[in-house]
Amino acid sequence: MSANPISSPCVNICQTDSVTGVCLGCGRTLQEITDWMNLNDEEKKRVIAQSQNRLNDLLFN
């Protein structure tokens, strides 16, 4: 376990996009949200990066 755990990117806006199923608050998929507590730090960093890209795609494209 890490001395400085990576916090969940949840911002308490828990609504999903009806087309993509991506959370409009944090950008994670439902599977990523479900799996969060079981991911290691590297996996969490990857999920955060991917979720930020998804949010940018949803908001700016």
C-alpha atoms as a PDB file:
ATOM      1  CA  MET A   1       0.000   0.000   0.000  1.00  0.00           C
ATOM      2  CA  SER A   2       1.266   3.447  -0.924  1.00  0.00           C
ATOM      3  CA  ALA A   3       2.209   6.031   1.716  1.00  0.00           C
ATOM      4  CA  ASN A   4       0.383   8.646  -0.367  1.00  0.00           C
ATOM      5  CA  PRO A   5      -2.624   6.899  -1.870  1.00  0.00           C
ATOM      6  CA  ILE A   6      -4.028   8.284  -5.094  1.00  0.00           C
ATOM      7  CA  SER A   7      -7.403   9.845  -4.447  1.00  0.00           C
ATOM      8  CA  SER A   8     -10.456   9.046  -6.489  1.00  0.00           C
ATOM      9  CA  PRO A   9     -11.102  11.605  -9.235  1.00  0.00           C
ATOM     10  CA  CYS A  10     -14.796  11.673  -8.260  1.00  0.00           C
ATOM     11  CA  VAL A  11     -16.203  15.221  -8.053  1.00  0.00           C
ATOM     12  CA  ASN A  12     -19.682  14.171  -6.872  1.00  0.00           C
ATOM     13  CA  ILE A  13     -21.323  14.848 -10.236  1.00  0.00           C
ATOM     14  CA  CYS A  14     -22.380  11.267 -10.784  1.00  0.00           C
ATOM     15  CA  GLN A  15     -24.248  11.314 -14.078  1.00  0.00           C
ATOM     16  CA  THR A  16     -23.376   9.275 -17.114  1.00  0.00           C
ATOM     17  CA  ASP A  17     -23.452  10.305 -20.745  1.00  0.00           C
ATOM     18  CA  SER A  18     -26.335   8.457 -22.381  1.00  0.00           C
ATOM     19  CA  VAL A  19     -24.270   7.597 -25.462  1.00  0.00           C
ATOM     20  CA  THR A  20     -20.866   6.683 -24.047  1.00  0.00           C
ATOM     21  CA  GLY A  21     -21.752   5.648 -20.486  1.00  0.00           C
ATOM     22  CA  VAL A  22     -18.909   7.828 -19.205  1.00  0.00           C
ATOM     23  CA  CYS A  23     -19.405   9.741 -15.954  1.00  0.00           C
ATOM     24  CA  LEU A  24     -19.821  13.438 -16.737  1.00  0.00           C
ATOM     25  CA  GLY A  25     -18.168  14.385 -13.462  1.00  0.00           C
ATOM     26  CA  CYS A  26     -14.954  12.364 -13.461  1.00  0.00           C
ATOM     27  CA  GLY A  27     -14.772  10.878 -16.957  1.00  0.00           C
ATOM     28  CA  ARG A  28     -14.451   7.291 -15.786  1.00  0.00           C
ATOM     29  CA  THR A  29     -16.399   4.353 -17.129  1.00  0.00           C
ATOM     30  CA  LEU A  30     -18.669   2.444 -14.770  1.00  0.00           C
ATOM     31  CA  GLN A  31     -16.164  -0.433 -14.802  1.00  0.00           C
ATOM     32  CA  GLU A  32     -13.321   1.893 -13.813  1.00  0.00           C
ATOM     33  CA  ILE A  33     -15.428   3.312 -10.981  1.00  0.00           C
ATOM     34  CA  THR A  34     -16.261  -0.186  -9.770  1.00  0.00           C
ATOM     35  CA  ASP A  35     -12.637  -1.353 -10.006  1.00  0.00           C
ATOM     36  CA  TRP A  36     -11.049   1.773  -8.442  1.00  0.00           C
ATOM     37  CA  MET A  37     -10.389   0.357  -4.967  1.00  0.00           C
ATOM     38  CA  ASN A  38      -8.641  -2.705  -6.430  1.00  0.00           C
ATOM     39  CA  LEU A  39      -6.302  -0.823  -8.786  1.00  0.00           C
ATOM     40  CA  ASN A  40      -2.650  -0.238  -8.002  1.00  0.00           C
ATOM     41  CA  ASP A  41      -1.166   3.274  -8.211  1.00  0.00           C
ATOM     42  CA  GLU A  42       0.028   2.895 -11.808  1.00  0.00           C
ATOM     43  CA  GLU A  43      -3.400   1.684 -12.917  1.00  0.00           C
ATOM     44  CA  LYS A  44      -5.063   4.592 -11.091  1.00  0.00           C
ATOM     45  CA  LYS A  45      -2.743   7.070 -12.828  1.00  0.00           C
ATOM     46  CA  ARG A  46      -3.639   5.506 -16.181  1.00  0.00           C
ATOM     47  CA  VAL A  47      -7.366   5.680 -15.427  1.00  0.00           C
ATOM     48  CA  ILE A  48      -7.072   9.338 -14.391  1.00  0.00           C
ATOM     49  CA  ALA A  49      -5.225  10.244 -17.605  1.00  0.00           C
ATOM     50  CA  GLN A  50      -7.716   8.374 -19.777  1.00  0.00           C
ATOM     51  CA  SER A  51     -10.697   9.838 -17.941  1.00  0.00           C
ATOM     52  CA  GLN A  52      -9.394  13.384 -18.418  1.00  0.00           C
ATOM     53  CA  ASN A  53      -9.033  12.706 -22.147  1.00  0.00           C
ATOM     54  CA  ARG A  54     -12.590  11.335 -22.281  1.00  0.00           C
ATOM     55  CA  LEU A  55     -13.991  14.407 -20.541  1.00  0.00           C
ATOM     56  CA  ASN A  56     -12.124  16.691 -22.931  1.00  0.00           C
ATOM     57  CA  ASP A  57     -13.523  14.737 -25.875  1.00  0.00           C
ATOM     58  CA  LEU A  58     -17.077  14.958 -24.508  1.00  0.00           C
ATOM     59  CA  LEU A  59     -16.885  18.636 -23.629  1.00  0.00           C
ATOM     60  CA  PHE A  60     -14.883  20.025 -26.521  1.00  0.00           C
ATOM     61  CA  ASN A  61     -15.779  17.866 -29.522  1.00  0.00           C
END
